Amino acid sequence: MNKVESIVGLKDIIDRYDVFILDQWGVMHNGEEGYTAAIKCVETLYKVNKKLIIISNSSKRKHSSAVRLSDFGYRKIYFLEIMTSGEMIWQSLVNLNHDFTKKLKKNCFHIYDKSKEDGKKYLEGLEKFNFVANIEEADFILGCTLQFNTTTIDYIPLLTKAIKNKLPFVCANPDFVSIENSFGKPIICMGTIAELYKNMGGEVFILGKPSCEIYEESTKKISNIDKSKILAIGDSIHHDIVGANNFGIDSLLITSGIHHDCFDQSSPQWQSDRNKLQKFGNEPTFVCSNFNN
């Protein structure tokens, strides 16, 4: 592979690309507020007629994600498309357009944060399924968000029962961790639980990053697509960078996100003793400390 290039800001490479695919958490905002530099960068890209697409591993529907953009300081009109893994999964459950969802039976055990309304709202339109409170009655699991203040180990008894009954696991958010508070502390996401279930021998289904399908869906509005002119920007090596590599496009890893401990933020370098991500064998095209001009 070519040597990973360190850049100071997007101005160093802006002329090389026409389309920019953006991750949300850790790049555009932290779940509570938008990053000032990122807001200005998006405005600049829009003003110079770059096409902007958001691909997020959020378990929310795309409409919900679009509505929330203004809360973080972004205008919806800036973006050609906004796609979430939650939307991809919801559409597959409704349309049964994948072999995995076609074979699902009726009874579903839904994992979601009961302290928020998002989980219940996600089920609107999924009335063909019967949502059960007892895992022993379930035919499959739909994993959206973790219950507040729970850890991976809390789900082992549930997953053990699910493995015994050979339940398929539909994961609406494949992220392992996310930056979702003003302190920048990573929190566990549903992808961690799904990965644990997979390692236990369970069958897992995702349509978010790093699956190519969410990239294909998100770029449908672009005619005569030229992948050499597309740059994906994210903070996860396992999802954003692997996803970009799978789709065949260049990528920029934001080093101040979930992998911040692997880099010197004043001058991040991919080829360094500190960077433990090198062992995974998936390299970005560029690294930068944050999403800025």
C-alpha atoms as a PDB file:
ATOM      1  CA  MET A   1       0.000   0.000   0.000  1.00  0.00           C
ATOM      2  CA  ASN A   2       1.024   3.634  -0.438  1.00  0.00           C
ATOM      3  CA  LYS A   3       2.211   5.499   2.620  1.00  0.00           C
ATOM      4  CA  VAL A   4      -0.646   7.047   4.613  1.00  0.00           C
ATOM      5  CA  GLU A   5      -0.495  10.829   4.272  1.00  0.00           C
ATOM      6  CA  SER A   6      -0.938  13.152   7.253  1.00  0.00           C
ATOM      7  CA  ILE A   7      -2.853  16.353   6.531  1.00  0.00           C
ATOM      8  CA  VAL A   8      -3.563  19.472   8.575  1.00  0.00           C
ATOM      9  CA  GLY A   9      -7.030  20.038   7.163  1.00  0.00           C
ATOM     10  CA  LEU A  10      -9.268  19.371   4.193  1.00  0.00           C
ATOM     11  CA  LYS A  11      -7.774  22.313   2.310  1.00  0.00           C
ATOM     12  CA  ASP A  12      -4.762  20.094   1.594  1.00  0.00           C
ATOM     13  CA  ILE A  13      -6.840  17.663  -0.496  1.00  0.00           C
ATOM     14  CA  ILE A  14     -10.152  19.384  -1.285  1.00  0.00           C
ATOM     15  CA  ASP A  15      -9.437  19.721  -5.012  1.00  0.00           C
ATOM     16  CA  ARG A  16      -8.885  15.969  -5.429  1.00  0.00           C
ATOM     17  CA  TYR A  17     -12.490  15.006  -4.647  1.00  0.00           C
ATOM     18  CA  ASP A  18     -16.023  15.890  -5.764  1.00  0.00           C
ATOM     19  CA  VAL A  19     -17.965  13.777  -3.244  1.00  0.00           C
ATOM     20  CA  PHE A  20     -17.425  13.596   0.518  1.00  0.00           C
ATOM     21  CA  ILE A  21     -19.033  10.826   2.597  1.00  0.00           C
ATOM     22  CA  LEU A  22     -19.185  11.862   6.239  1.00  0.00           C
ATOM     23  CA  ASP A  23     -19.588   9.887   9.421  1.00  0.00           C
ATOM     24  CA  GLN A  24     -21.457  11.673  12.234  1.00  0.00           C
ATOM     25  CA  TRP A  25     -20.356  10.736  15.755  1.00  0.00           C
ATOM     26  CA  GLY A  26     -16.737  11.717  16.426  1.00  0.00           C
ATOM     27  CA  VAL A  27     -16.498  13.604  13.119  1.00  0.00           C
ATOM     28  CA  MET A  28     -19.410  16.055  12.931  1.00  0.00           C
ATOM     29  CA  HIS A  29     -20.600  16.001  16.554  1.00  0.00           C
ATOM     30  CA  ASN A  30     -20.401  14.126  19.842  1.00  0.00           C
ATOM     31  CA  GLY A  31     -24.107  13.403  20.290  1.00  0.00           C
ATOM     32  CA  GLU A  32     -24.638  16.600  22.268  1.00  0.00           C
ATOM     33  CA  GLU A  33     -23.167  19.393  20.163  1.00  0.00           C
ATOM     34  CA  GLY A  34     -21.623  19.921  16.750  1.00  0.00           C
ATOM     35  CA  TYR A  35     -17.912  20.553  16.398  1.00  0.00           C
ATOM     36  CA  THR A  36     -17.335  24.183  15.372  1.00  0.00           C
ATOM     37  CA  ALA A  37     -14.532  23.368  12.940  1.00  0.00           C
ATOM     38  CA  ALA A  38     -16.611  20.625  11.329  1.00  0.00           C
ATOM     39  CA  ILE A  39     -19.626  22.926  10.900  1.00  0.00           C
ATOM     40  CA  LYS A  40     -17.450  25.481   9.119  1.00  0.00           C
ATOM     41  CA  CYS A  41     -15.878  22.758   6.987  1.00  0.00           C
ATOM     42  CA  VAL A  42     -19.265  21.460   5.823  1.00  0.00           C
ATOM     43  CA  GLU A  43     -20.326  25.015   4.939  1.00  0.00           C
ATOM     44  CA  THR A  44     -17.136  25.490   2.908  1.00  0.00           C
ATOM     45  CA  LEU A  45     -17.593  22.224   1.021  1.00  0.00           C
ATOM     46  CA  TYR A  46     -21.188  23.110   0.191  1.00  0.00           C
ATOM     47  CA  LYS A  47     -20.250  26.596  -1.037  1.00  0.00           C
ATOM     48  CA  VAL A  48     -17.679  25.177  -3.478  1.00  0.00           C
ATOM     49  CA  ASN A  49     -20.293  22.753  -4.879  1.00  0.00           C
ATOM     50  CA  LYS A  50     -18.993  19.526  -3.375  1.00  0.00           C
ATOM     51  CA  LYS A  51     -21.552  16.743  -2.964  1.00  0.00           C
ATOM     52  CA  LEU A  52     -22.004  15.785   0.700  1.00  0.00           C
ATOM     53  CA  ILE A  53     -23.404  12.469   1.927  1.00  0.00           C
ATOM     54  CA  ILE A  54     -23.841  11.252   5.481  1.00  0.00           C
ATOM     55  CA  ILE A  55     -23.489   7.534   6.166  1.00  0.00           C
ATOM     56  CA  SER A  56     -24.054   6.736   9.812  1.00  0.00           C
ATOM     57  CA  ASN A  57     -24.202   3.510  11.782  1.00  0.00           C
ATOM     58  CA  SER A  58     -26.950   5.048  13.893  1.00  0.00           C
ATOM     59  CA  SER A  59     -29.877   2.774  14.694  1.00  0.00           C
ATOM     60  CA  LYS A  60     -32.245   5.705  14.033  1.00  0.00           C
ATOM     61  CA  ARG A  61     -34.278   6.038  10.824  1.00  0.00           C
ATOM     62  CA  LYS A  62     -32.829   8.453   8.244  1.00  0.00           C
ATOM     63  CA  HIS A  63     -35.628  10.987   8.815  1.00  0.00           C
ATOM     64  CA  SER A  64     -34.876  11.167  12.535  1.00  0.00           C
ATOM     65  CA  SER A  65     -31.182  11.707  11.811  1.00  0.00           C
ATOM     66  CA  ALA A  66     -31.970  14.437   9.276  1.00  0.00           C
ATOM     67  CA  VAL A  67     -34.227  16.277  11.729  1.00  0.00           C
ATOM     68  CA  ARG A  68     -31.500  16.248  14.399  1.00  0.00           C
ATOM     69  CA  LEU A  69     -28.891  17.879  12.157  1.00  0.00           C
ATOM     70  CA  SER A  70     -30.084  21.375  13.040  1.00  0.00           C
ATOM     71  CA  ASP A  71     -29.536  20.593  16.739  1.00  0.00           C
ATOM     72  CA  PHE A  72     -25.845  20.162  15.940  1.00  0.00           C
ATOM     73  CA  GLY A  73     -25.551  23.309  13.770  1.00  0.00           C
ATOM     74  CA  TYR A  74     -25.938  21.749  10.297  1.00  0.00           C
ATOM     75  CA  ARG A  75     -28.458  22.476   7.557  1.00  0.00           C
ATOM     76  CA  LYS A  76     -30.180  19.520   5.944  1.00  0.00           C
ATOM     77  CA  ILE A  77     -29.966  21.141   2.476  1.00  0.00           C
ATOM     78  CA  TYR A  78     -26.181  20.749   2.555  1.00  0.00           C
ATOM     79  CA  PHE A  79     -26.493  16.986   2.121  1.00  0.00           C
ATOM     80  CA  LEU A  80     -27.376  15.087  -1.036  1.00  0.00           C
ATOM     81  CA  GLU A  81     -28.232  11.980   1.001  1.00  0.00           C
ATOM     82  CA  ILE A  82     -28.431  10.932   4.629  1.00  0.00           C
ATOM     83  CA  MET A  83     -28.389   7.191   5.225  1.00  0.00           C
ATOM     84  CA  THR A  84     -28.254   5.202   8.454  1.00  0.00           C
ATOM     85  CA  SER A  85     -27.730   1.542   9.206  1.00  0.00           C
ATOM     86  CA  GLY A  86     -31.004   1.693  11.118  1.00  0.00           C
ATOM     87  CA  GLU A  87     -32.811   2.809   7.961  1.00  0.00           C
ATOM     88  CA  MET A  88     -31.206   0.037   5.922  1.00  0.00           C
ATOM     89  CA  ILE A  89     -32.307  -2.595   8.452  1.00  0.00           C
ATOM     90  CA  TRP A  90     -35.824  -1.135   8.800  1.00  0.00           C
ATOM     91  CA  GLN A  91     -36.278  -1.195   5.012  1.00  0.00           C
ATOM     92  CA  SER A  92     -35.082  -4.793   4.849  1.00  0.00           C
ATOM     93  CA  LEU A  93     -37.489  -5.853   7.611  1.00  0.00           C
ATOM     94  CA  VAL A  94     -40.381  -4.141   5.818  1.00  0.00           C
ATOM     95  CA  ASN A  95     -39.545  -5.238   2.278  1.00  0.00           C
ATOM     96  CA  LEU A  96     -37.917  -8.601   3.102  1.00  0.00           C
ATOM     97  CA  ASN A  97     -35.417  -7.891   0.324  1.00  0.00           C
ATOM     98  CA  HIS A  98     -32.543  -9.946   1.734  1.00  0.00           C
ATOM     99  CA  ASP A  99     -32.292 -13.688   2.194  1.00  0.00           C
ATOM    100  CA  PHE A 100     -31.632 -13.159   5.909  1.00  0.00           C
ATOM    101  CA  THR A 101     -34.798 -11.135   6.556  1.00  0.00           C
ATOM    102  CA  LYS A 102     -36.924 -13.274   4.231  1.00  0.00           C
ATOM    103  CA  LYS A 103     -36.482 -16.279   6.502  1.00  0.00           C
ATOM    104  CA  LEU A 104     -37.251 -14.465   9.783  1.00  0.00           C
ATOM    105  CA  LYS A 105     -40.279 -15.667  11.686  1.00  0.00           C
ATOM    106  CA  LYS A 106     -42.757 -13.438  13.506  1.00  0.00           C
ATOM    107  CA  ASN A 107     -41.697 -13.130  17.157  1.00  0.00           C
ATOM    108  CA  CYS A 108     -39.011 -10.519  17.807  1.00  0.00           C
ATOM    109  CA  PHE A 109     -37.088  -9.655  20.959  1.00  0.00           C
ATOM    110  CA  HIS A 110     -36.135  -5.980  20.686  1.00  0.00           C
ATOM    111  CA  ILE A 111     -33.034  -4.688  22.495  1.00  0.00           C
ATOM    112  CA  TYR A 112     -33.228  -0.917  22.976  1.00  0.00           C
ATOM    113  CA  ASP A 113     -32.727   1.801  25.556  1.00  0.00           C
ATOM    114  CA  LYS A 114     -36.078   1.918  27.349  1.00  0.00           C
ATOM    115  CA  SER A 115     -35.239   5.313  28.832  1.00  0.00           C
ATOM    116  CA  LYS A 116     -35.637   6.910  25.393  1.00  0.00           C
ATOM    117  CA  GLU A 117     -38.525   7.085  22.941  1.00  0.00           C
ATOM    118  CA  ASP A 118     -36.348   6.318  19.891  1.00  0.00           C
ATOM    119  CA  GLY A 119     -36.596   2.549  20.371  1.00  0.00           C
ATOM    120  CA  LYS A 120     -40.387   2.426  20.350  1.00  0.00           C
ATOM    121  CA  LYS A 121     -40.586   4.902  17.464  1.00  0.00           C
ATOM    122  CA  TYR A 122     -38.330   2.661  15.372  1.00  0.00           C
ATOM    123  CA  LEU A 123     -40.998  -0.073  15.443  1.00  0.00           C
ATOM    124  CA  GLU A 124     -43.561   2.069  13.610  1.00  0.00           C
ATOM    125  CA  GLY A 125     -44.281   0.278  10.322  1.00  0.00           C
ATOM    126  CA  LEU A 126     -43.026  -3.084  11.599  1.00  0.00           C
ATOM    127  CA  GLU A 127     -46.449  -4.285  12.697  1.00  0.00           C
ATOM    128  CA  LYS A 128     -46.010  -7.542  10.771  1.00  0.00           C
ATOM    129  CA  PHE A 129     -43.788  -8.680  13.656  1.00  0.00           C
ATOM    130  CA  ASN A 130     -44.870  -9.592  17.172  1.00  0.00           C
ATOM    131  CA  PHE A 131     -42.571  -8.022  19.771  1.00  0.00           C
ATOM    132  CA  VAL A 132     -42.145 -10.223  22.827  1.00  0.00           C
ATOM    133  CA  ALA A 133     -40.740  -9.457  26.273  1.00  0.00           C
ATOM    134  CA  ASN A 134     -39.377 -12.963  26.905  1.00  0.00           C
ATOM    135  CA  ILE A 135     -36.339 -14.127  24.934  1.00  0.00           C
ATOM    136  CA  GLU A 136     -37.614 -17.724  25.223  1.00  0.00           C
ATOM    137  CA  GLU A 137     -40.618 -16.777  23.060  1.00  0.00           C
ATOM    138  CA  ALA A 138     -38.543 -15.041  20.372  1.00  0.00           C
ATOM    139  CA  ASP A 139     -37.745 -16.194  16.840  1.00  0.00           C
ATOM    140  CA  PHE A 140     -35.074 -13.529  16.344  1.00  0.00           C
ATOM    141  CA  ILE A 141     -33.390 -10.538  18.007  1.00  0.00           C
ATOM    142  CA  LEU A 142     -33.469  -6.935  16.776  1.00  0.00           C
ATOM    143  CA  GLY A 143     -30.616  -5.030  18.423  1.00  0.00           C
ATOM    144  CA  CYS A 144     -30.813  -1.224  18.263  1.00  0.00           C
ATOM    145  CA  THR A 145     -29.368   0.461  21.357  1.00  0.00           C
ATOM    146  CA  LEU A 146     -28.038  -0.726  24.685  1.00  0.00           C
ATOM    147  CA  GLN A 147     -29.980  -0.042  27.843  1.00  0.00           C
ATOM    148  CA  PHE A 148     -28.484   2.958  29.674  1.00  0.00           C
ATOM    149  CA  ASN A 149     -25.599   2.138  31.997  1.00  0.00           C
ATOM    150  CA  THR A 150     -25.224  -1.481  30.911  1.00  0.00           C
ATOM    151  CA  THR A 151     -22.001  -3.222  29.892  1.00  0.00           C
ATOM    152  CA  THR A 152     -21.188  -6.069  27.525  1.00  0.00           C
ATOM    153  CA  ILE A 153     -21.157  -8.639  30.302  1.00  0.00           C
ATOM    154  CA  ASP A 154     -24.751  -7.756  31.238  1.00  0.00           C
ATOM    155  CA  TYR A 155     -25.957  -9.259  27.948  1.00  0.00           C
ATOM    156  CA  ILE A 156     -24.217 -12.629  28.242  1.00  0.00           C
ATOM    157  CA  PRO A 157     -27.162 -14.410  29.979  1.00  0.00           C
ATOM    158  CA  LEU A 158     -29.534 -13.151  27.272  1.00  0.00           C
ATOM    159  CA  LEU A 159     -27.183 -14.144  24.461  1.00  0.00           C
ATOM    160  CA  THR A 160     -26.626 -17.563  26.025  1.00  0.00           C
ATOM    161  CA  LYS A 161     -30.367 -18.238  25.859  1.00  0.00           C
ATOM    162  CA  ALA A 162     -30.456 -16.914  22.299  1.00  0.00           C
ATOM    163  CA  ILE A 163     -27.602 -19.215  21.224  1.00  0.00           C
ATOM    164  CA  LYS A 164     -29.401 -22.190  22.764  1.00  0.00           C
ATOM    165  CA  ASN A 165     -32.466 -21.398  20.642  1.00  0.00           C
ATOM    166  CA  LYS A 166     -30.370 -20.520  17.562  1.00  0.00           C
ATOM    167  CA  LEU A 167     -31.925 -17.067  17.204  1.00  0.00           C
ATOM    168  CA  PRO A 168     -30.779 -14.871  14.300  1.00  0.00           C
ATOM    169  CA  PHE A 169     -29.498 -11.439  15.430  1.00  0.00           C
ATOM    170  CA  VAL A 170     -30.435  -8.377  13.333  1.00  0.00           C
ATOM    171  CA  CYS A 171     -28.114  -5.515  14.303  1.00  0.00           C
ATOM    172  CA  ALA A 172     -29.272  -1.964  13.495  1.00  0.00           C
ATOM    173  CA  ASN A 173     -26.041  -0.335  14.705  1.00  0.00           C
ATOM    174  CA  PRO A 174     -22.833  -2.233  13.847  1.00  0.00           C
ATOM    175  CA  ASP A 175     -20.526   0.251  15.643  1.00  0.00           C
ATOM    176  CA  PHE A 176     -18.464  -1.217  18.469  1.00  0.00           C
ATOM    177  CA  VAL A 177     -18.050   2.081  20.326  1.00  0.00           C
ATOM    178  CA  SER A 178     -19.024   5.706  19.818  1.00  0.00           C
ATOM    179  CA  ILE A 179     -18.072   9.159  21.059  1.00  0.00           C
ATOM    180  CA  GLU A 180     -21.349  10.433  22.427  1.00  0.00           C
ATOM    181  CA  ASN A 181     -20.752  12.981  25.152  1.00  0.00           C
ATOM    182  CA  SER A 182     -18.920  16.221  25.823  1.00  0.00           C
ATOM    183  CA  PHE A 183     -16.163  14.396  27.711  1.00  0.00           C
ATOM    184  CA  GLY A 184     -15.212  12.407  24.612  1.00  0.00           C
ATOM    185  CA  LYS A 185     -15.453   9.098  26.459  1.00  0.00           C
ATOM    186  CA  PRO A 186     -16.266   6.100  24.217  1.00  0.00           C
ATOM    187  CA  ILE A 187     -19.480   4.223  24.966  1.00  0.00           C
ATOM    188  CA  ILE A 188     -20.337   0.673  23.908  1.00  0.00           C
ATOM    189  CA  CYS A 189     -22.664   0.267  20.916  1.00  0.00           C
ATOM    190  CA  MET A 190     -24.802  -2.621  19.678  1.00  0.00           C
ATOM    191  CA  GLY A 191     -22.081  -3.811  17.307  1.00  0.00           C
ATOM    192  CA  THR A 192     -20.080  -4.973  20.330  1.00  0.00           C
ATOM    193  CA  ILE A 193     -22.988  -7.156  21.488  1.00  0.00           C
ATOM    194  CA  ALA A 194     -23.549  -8.481  17.963  1.00  0.00           C
ATOM    195  CA  GLU A 195     -19.838  -9.289  17.598  1.00  0.00           C
ATOM    196  CA  LEU A 196     -19.898 -11.145  20.918  1.00  0.00           C
ATOM    197  CA  TYR A 197     -22.930 -13.121  19.744  1.00  0.00           C
ATOM    198  CA  LYS A 198     -21.149 -13.926  16.481  1.00  0.00           C
ATOM    199  CA  ASN A 199     -18.088 -15.149  18.409  1.00  0.00           C
ATOM    200  CA  MET A 200     -20.406 -17.336  20.497  1.00  0.00           C
ATOM    201  CA  GLY A 201     -21.546 -18.993  17.259  1.00  0.00           C
ATOM    202  CA  GLY A 202     -24.619 -16.880  16.529  1.00  0.00           C
ATOM    203  CA  GLU A 203     -25.844 -15.678  13.136  1.00  0.00           C
ATOM    204  CA  VAL A 204     -25.661 -11.880  12.735  1.00  0.00           C
ATOM    205  CA  PHE A 205     -27.036  -9.584  10.023  1.00  0.00           C
ATOM    206  CA  ILE A 206     -25.877  -5.993   9.389  1.00  0.00           C
ATOM    207  CA  LEU A 207     -26.351  -3.531   6.525  1.00  0.00           C
ATOM    208  CA  GLY A 208     -24.362  -0.594   7.906  1.00  0.00           C
ATOM    209  CA  LYS A 209     -20.658   0.144   7.612  1.00  0.00           C
ATOM    210  CA  PRO A 210     -18.446  -1.674   6.672  1.00  0.00           C
ATOM    211  CA  SER A 211     -20.971  -3.363   4.328  1.00  0.00           C
ATOM    212  CA  CYS A 212     -20.756  -2.079   0.743  1.00  0.00           C
ATOM    213  CA  GLU A 213     -24.538  -2.047   0.495  1.00  0.00           C
ATOM    214  CA  ILE A 214     -24.990   1.138   2.530  1.00  0.00           C
ATOM    215  CA  TYR A 215     -22.429   2.924   0.310  1.00  0.00           C
ATOM    216  CA  GLU A 216     -24.194   1.739  -2.826  1.00  0.00           C
ATOM    217  CA  GLU A 217     -27.572   2.906  -1.503  1.00  0.00           C
ATOM    218  CA  SER A 218     -26.197   6.264  -0.389  1.00  0.00           C
ATOM    219  CA  THR A 219     -24.603   7.135  -3.737  1.00  0.00           C
ATOM    220  CA  LYS A 220     -27.562   6.226  -5.976  1.00  0.00           C
ATOM    221  CA  LYS A 221     -28.367   9.901  -6.591  1.00  0.00           C
ATOM    222  CA  ILE A 222     -24.967  10.438  -8.223  1.00  0.00           C
ATOM    223  CA  SER A 223     -24.959   9.757 -11.962  1.00  0.00           C
ATOM    224  CA  ASN A 224     -21.808   8.466 -13.656  1.00  0.00           C
ATOM    225  CA  ILE A 225     -20.148   7.816 -10.342  1.00  0.00           C
ATOM    226  CA  ASP A 226     -16.337   8.058 -10.314  1.00  0.00           C
ATOM    227  CA  LYS A 227     -15.028   6.353  -7.194  1.00  0.00           C
ATOM    228  CA  SER A 228     -11.620   8.004  -7.576  1.00  0.00           C
ATOM    229  CA  LYS A 229     -13.346  11.316  -6.795  1.00  0.00           C
ATOM    230  CA  ILE A 230     -15.008  10.142  -3.559  1.00  0.00           C
ATOM    231  CA  LEU A 231     -13.523  10.535  -0.077  1.00  0.00           C
ATOM    232  CA  ALA A 232     -15.008   8.905   3.040  1.00  0.00           C
ATOM    233  CA  ILE A 233     -14.303  10.603   6.364  1.00  0.00           C
ATOM    234  CA  GLY A 234     -14.712   8.793   9.684  1.00  0.00           C
ATOM    235  CA  ASP A 235     -13.143   7.972  13.031  1.00  0.00           C
ATOM    236  CA  SER A 236     -13.463   4.166  13.066  1.00  0.00           C
ATOM    237  CA  ILE A 237     -10.862   1.951  11.427  1.00  0.00           C
ATOM    238  CA  HIS A 238     -13.213  -1.056  11.690  1.00  0.00           C
ATOM    239  CA  HIS A 239     -16.232   0.601  10.077  1.00  0.00           C
ATOM    240  CA  ASP A 240     -15.384   3.832   8.231  1.00  0.00           C
ATOM    241  CA  ILE A 241     -11.994   2.845   6.858  1.00  0.00           C
ATOM    242  CA  VAL A 242     -12.764  -0.831   6.205  1.00  0.00           C
ATOM    243  CA  GLY A 243     -16.066   0.252   4.626  1.00  0.00           C
ATOM    244  CA  ALA A 244     -14.327   2.720   2.327  1.00  0.00           C
ATOM    245  CA  ASN A 245     -11.727   0.123   1.367  1.00  0.00           C
ATOM    246  CA  ASN A 246     -14.471  -2.423   0.651  1.00  0.00           C
ATOM    247  CA  PHE A 247     -16.285   0.096  -1.562  1.00  0.00           C
ATOM    248  CA  GLY A 248     -13.064   1.050  -3.359  1.00  0.00           C
ATOM    249  CA  ILE A 249     -12.770   4.706  -2.358  1.00  0.00           C
ATOM    250  CA  ASP A 250     -10.196   6.837  -0.542  1.00  0.00           C
ATOM    251  CA  SER A 251     -10.608   7.586   3.146  1.00  0.00           C
ATOM    252  CA  LEU A 252      -9.610  10.033   5.854  1.00  0.00           C
ATOM    253  CA  LEU A 253      -9.316   8.824   9.445  1.00  0.00           C
ATOM    254  CA  ILE A 254     -10.114  11.454  12.071  1.00  0.00           C
ATOM    255  CA  THR A 255      -7.714  10.632  14.887  1.00  0.00           C
ATOM    256  CA  SER A 256      -9.394  12.584  17.704  1.00  0.00           C
ATOM    257  CA  GLY A 257     -12.350  10.163  17.774  1.00  0.00           C
ATOM    258  CA  ILE A 258     -12.565   6.663  19.209  1.00  0.00           C
ATOM    259  CA  HIS A 259      -8.912   5.878  18.375  1.00  0.00           C
ATOM    260  CA  HIS A 260      -7.483   9.067  19.935  1.00  0.00           C
ATOM    261  CA  ASP A 261      -5.123   7.138  22.205  1.00  0.00           C
ATOM    262  CA  CYS A 262      -3.303   5.748  19.151  1.00  0.00           C
ATOM    263  CA  PHE A 263      -2.131   9.154  17.902  1.00  0.00           C
ATOM    264  CA  ASP A 264      -0.358  12.332  18.852  1.00  0.00           C
ATOM    265  CA  GLN A 265      -3.127  14.857  18.188  1.00  0.00           C
ATOM    266  CA  SER A 266      -0.774  17.758  17.459  1.00  0.00           C
ATOM    267  CA  SER A 267       0.800  15.795  14.590  1.00  0.00           C
ATOM    268  CA  PRO A 268      -0.901  12.421  13.981  1.00  0.00           C
ATOM    269  CA  GLN A 269       1.145   9.862  12.052  1.00  0.00           C
ATOM    270  CA  TRP A 270      -0.048   6.467  10.839  1.00  0.00           C
ATOM    271  CA  GLN A 271       3.439   4.976  10.810  1.00  0.00           C
ATOM    272  CA  SER A 272       4.290   5.283  14.503  1.00  0.00           C
ATOM    273  CA  ASP A 273       4.944   2.949  17.424  1.00  0.00           C
ATOM    274  CA  ARG A 274       1.943   4.448  19.207  1.00  0.00           C
ATOM    275  CA  ASN A 275      -0.509   3.452  16.478  1.00  0.00           C
ATOM    276  CA  LYS A 276      -1.799   0.005  17.448  1.00  0.00           C
ATOM    277  CA  LEU A 277      -4.293   0.056  14.547  1.00  0.00           C
ATOM    278  CA  GLN A 278      -1.583  -0.956  12.078  1.00  0.00           C
ATOM    279  CA  LYS A 279      -1.930  -4.574  13.180  1.00  0.00           C
ATOM    280  CA  PHE A 280      -5.409  -4.803  11.640  1.00  0.00           C
ATOM    281  CA  GLY A 281      -4.058  -4.360   8.110  1.00  0.00           C
ATOM    282  CA  ASN A 282      -6.579  -1.755   6.953  1.00  0.00           C
ATOM    283  CA  GLU A 283      -5.076   1.616   6.129  1.00  0.00           C
ATOM    284  CA  PRO A 284      -6.759   4.956   5.438  1.00  0.00           C
ATOM    285  CA  THR A 285      -5.524   7.182   2.630  1.00  0.00           C
ATOM    286  CA  PHE A 286      -5.080  10.123   5.021  1.00  0.00           C
ATOM    287  CA  VAL A 287      -5.082  10.919   8.721  1.00  0.00           C
ATOM    288  CA  CYS A 288      -6.030  14.224  10.325  1.00  0.00           C
ATOM    289  CA  SER A 289      -6.608  15.231  13.961  1.00  0.00           C
ATOM    290  CA  ASN A 290     -10.109  16.584  13.294  1.00  0.00           C
ATOM    291  CA  PHE A 291     -12.559  17.436  10.513  1.00  0.00           C
ATOM    292  CA  ASN A 292     -11.603  20.991   9.599  1.00  0.00           C
ATOM    293  CA  ASN A 293     -10.733  23.285   6.719  1.00  0.00           C
END
